[in-house]
Amino acid sequence: MSVIFLYLSLDELGRMHEWIGSLFARMVGVTGMAAWYVWVVPFGILLICFAISYARFLLCMGPKHRGRIMGAGALYVGGALGMELVTAWHALNNQSDSLSHAMLTTLEETLEMAGLVVFVYALLEYLRCHAEAIQVHLVSPANHE
């Protein structure tokens, strides 16, 4: 799971999904504005594989923790894939530099960030219920010189 989150953070920084999407678009012959959003297809397939591989892990959790994690995933995927499709449709049928397009893009990013916040909360709640104690030690950089 850590590899997946490493990729997601690098992707957010470097927009790798769009690069991979452009390769996929060339492979399947998609051109124009639609090629910008075709990354949803291969990543949607990867998402299904991810969901299947982690289904057993989720089913072993209690319903409260499972619900929080699934809710976080729904928020994130709703933003990353769902709103991306809505934004793509809007861009293909309207001006992509309009206020409405900017609002859709903002909603997409907000859903992704909300999904991450809910996921961190879900993990912290899971730890609170299942770990006896957790200690965090913060050391000032001045102490390391």
Protein backbone atom coordinates (compact mmCIF):
# COMPACT_ATOMS: atom_id res chain seq x y z
CA MET A 1 0.00 0.00 0.00
CA SER A 2 2.90 2.37 0.70
CA VAL A 3 4.09 2.00 -2.91
CA ILE A 4 0.64 3.06 -4.11
CA PHE A 5 0.67 6.17 -1.93
CA LEU A 6 4.21 6.98 -3.02
CA TYR A 7 3.06 6.80 -6.64
CA LEU A 8 -0.01 8.96 -5.91
CA SER A 9 2.13 11.65 -4.30
CA LEU A 10 4.66 11.60 -7.14
CA ASP A 11 1.81 11.67 -9.65
CA GLU A 12 0.29 14.72 -7.99
CA LEU A 13 3.67 16.41 -8.19
CA GLY A 14 4.62 15.34 -11.72
CA ARG A 15 1.26 14.64 -13.39
CA MET A 16 2.44 11.19 -14.50
CA HIS A 17 -1.14 10.03 -15.13
CA GLU A 18 -1.41 12.52 -17.98
CA TRP A 19 1.86 11.31 -19.51
CA ILE A 20 0.74 7.69 -19.25
CA GLY A 21 -2.64 8.74 -20.61
CA SER A 22 -1.04 10.36 -23.66
CA LEU A 23 0.85 7.13 -24.37
CA PHE A 24 -2.41 5.18 -24.01
CA ALA A 25 -4.21 7.70 -26.26
CA ARG A 26 -1.61 7.18 -29.00
CA MET A 27 -1.92 3.40 -28.63
CA VAL A 28 -5.69 3.45 -29.10
CA GLY A 29 -5.75 6.34 -31.60
CA VAL A 30 -7.50 9.01 -29.52
CA THR A 31 -6.65 12.58 -30.54
CA GLY A 32 -7.65 16.12 -29.65
CA MET A 33 -8.97 17.25 -26.29
CA ALA A 34 -10.24 13.72 -25.49
CA ALA A 35 -6.63 12.45 -25.44
CA TRP A 36 -5.98 14.64 -22.40
CA TYR A 37 -8.51 12.67 -20.30
CA VAL A 38 -8.12 9.12 -21.66
CA TRP A 39 -5.84 8.21 -18.72
CA VAL A 40 -9.03 7.38 -16.82
CA VAL A 41 -9.36 4.06 -18.70
CA PRO A 42 -6.08 2.34 -17.72
CA PHE A 43 -6.16 3.82 -14.22
CA GLY A 44 -9.78 2.73 -13.78
CA ILE A 45 -8.69 -0.82 -14.59
CA LEU A 46 -5.83 -0.54 -12.08
CA LEU A 47 -8.28 0.77 -9.48
CA ILE A 48 -10.50 -2.29 -9.95
CA CYS A 49 -7.45 -4.57 -9.50
CA PHE A 50 -6.45 -2.63 -6.37
CA ALA A 51 -9.98 -2.90 -4.93
CA ILE A 52 -10.08 -6.65 -5.55
CA SER A 53 -6.65 -7.20 -3.99
CA TYR A 54 -7.56 -5.24 -0.83
CA ALA A 55 -11.13 -6.51 -0.44
CA ARG A 56 -10.12 -9.23 2.01
CA PHE A 57 -8.15 -6.72 4.10
CA LEU A 58 -11.19 -4.44 4.33
CA LEU A 59 -13.57 -7.29 5.10
CA CYS A 60 -11.43 -8.26 8.11
CA MET A 61 -11.99 -4.81 9.65
CA GLY A 62 -14.93 -3.85 11.77
CA PRO A 63 -17.77 -2.06 10.00
CA LYS A 64 -16.93 1.36 11.46
CA HIS A 65 -13.31 1.31 10.26
CA ARG A 66 -14.21 -0.30 6.95
CA GLY A 67 -16.87 2.36 6.34
CA ARG A 68 -14.44 5.19 7.05
CA ILE A 69 -11.79 3.80 4.73
CA MET A 70 -14.30 3.06 1.99
CA GLY A 71 -15.77 6.55 2.41
CA ALA A 72 -12.30 8.05 2.06
CA GLY A 73 -11.72 5.98 -1.05
CA ALA A 74 -15.06 7.03 -2.51
CA LEU A 75 -14.21 10.71 -1.97
CA TYR A 76 -10.77 10.34 -3.52
CA VAL A 77 -11.86 8.25 -6.48
CA GLY A 78 -14.95 10.41 -6.94
CA GLY A 79 -12.61 13.36 -7.38
CA ALA A 80 -9.79 11.69 -9.26
CA LEU A 81 -11.85 9.66 -11.73
CA GLY A 82 -15.46 10.78 -11.42
CA MET A 83 -14.94 14.53 -11.51
CA GLU A 84 -12.18 14.08 -14.09
CA LEU A 85 -14.77 12.56 -16.42
CA VAL A 86 -17.23 15.37 -15.70
CA THR A 87 -14.49 17.94 -16.29
CA ALA A 88 -13.50 16.18 -19.52
CA TRP A 89 -17.08 16.22 -20.77
CA HIS A 90 -17.33 19.89 -19.88
CA ALA A 91 -14.03 20.70 -21.63
CA LEU A 92 -15.11 18.87 -24.78
CA ASN A 93 -18.46 20.66 -24.91
CA ASN A 94 -17.51 24.10 -23.57
CA GLN A 95 -14.51 26.34 -23.20
CA SER A 96 -11.79 24.77 -21.08
CA ASP A 97 -10.67 28.20 -19.84
CA SER A 98 -14.07 29.21 -18.43
CA LEU A 99 -15.04 29.89 -14.82
CA SER A 100 -17.24 26.78 -14.79
CA HIS A 101 -14.29 24.63 -15.89
CA ALA A 102 -12.13 26.15 -13.14
CA MET A 103 -14.87 25.42 -10.60
CA LEU A 104 -15.13 21.79 -11.72
CA THR A 105 -11.36 21.40 -11.49
CA THR A 106 -11.39 22.94 -8.01
CA LEU A 107 -14.14 20.53 -6.93
CA GLU A 108 -12.12 17.62 -8.33
CA GLU A 109 -9.02 18.59 -6.35
CA THR A 110 -11.08 19.32 -3.22
CA LEU A 111 -12.65 15.85 -3.31
CA GLU A 112 -9.21 14.26 -3.67
CA MET A 113 -7.82 16.22 -0.71
CA ALA A 114 -10.93 15.51 1.39
CA GLY A 115 -10.51 11.81 0.63
CA LEU A 116 -6.93 11.93 1.88
CA VAL A 117 -7.93 13.79 5.06
CA VAL A 118 -10.71 11.28 5.80
CA PHE A 119 -8.28 8.41 5.12
CA VAL A 120 -5.71 9.79 7.58
CA TYR A 121 -8.50 10.24 10.13
CA ALA A 122 -9.68 6.66 9.54
CA LEU A 123 -6.15 5.31 10.03
CA LEU A 124 -5.66 7.33 13.22
CA GLU A 125 -8.99 6.09 14.58
CA TYR A 126 -8.01 2.52 13.70
CA LEU A 127 -4.71 2.98 15.57
CA ARG A 128 -6.51 4.53 18.54
CA CYS A 129 -8.74 1.47 18.82
CA HIS A 130 -6.07 -1.17 18.19
CA ALA A 131 -2.77 0.17 19.52
CA GLU A 132 -2.06 0.37 23.22
CA ALA A 133 0.14 3.43 22.86
CA ILE A 134 2.00 5.34 20.20
CA GLN A 135 4.85 7.68 20.98
CA VAL A 136 6.14 10.34 18.64
CA HIS A 137 9.36 12.15 19.41
CA LEU A 138 10.04 15.42 17.63
CA VAL A 139 13.61 16.62 17.73
CA SER A 140 14.65 20.13 16.79
CA PRO A 141 17.09 20.33 13.84
CA ALA A 142 19.32 22.51 16.05
CA ASN A 143 19.97 19.47 18.26
CA HIS A 144 21.44 17.55 15.31
CA GLU A 145 24.23 19.99 14.39
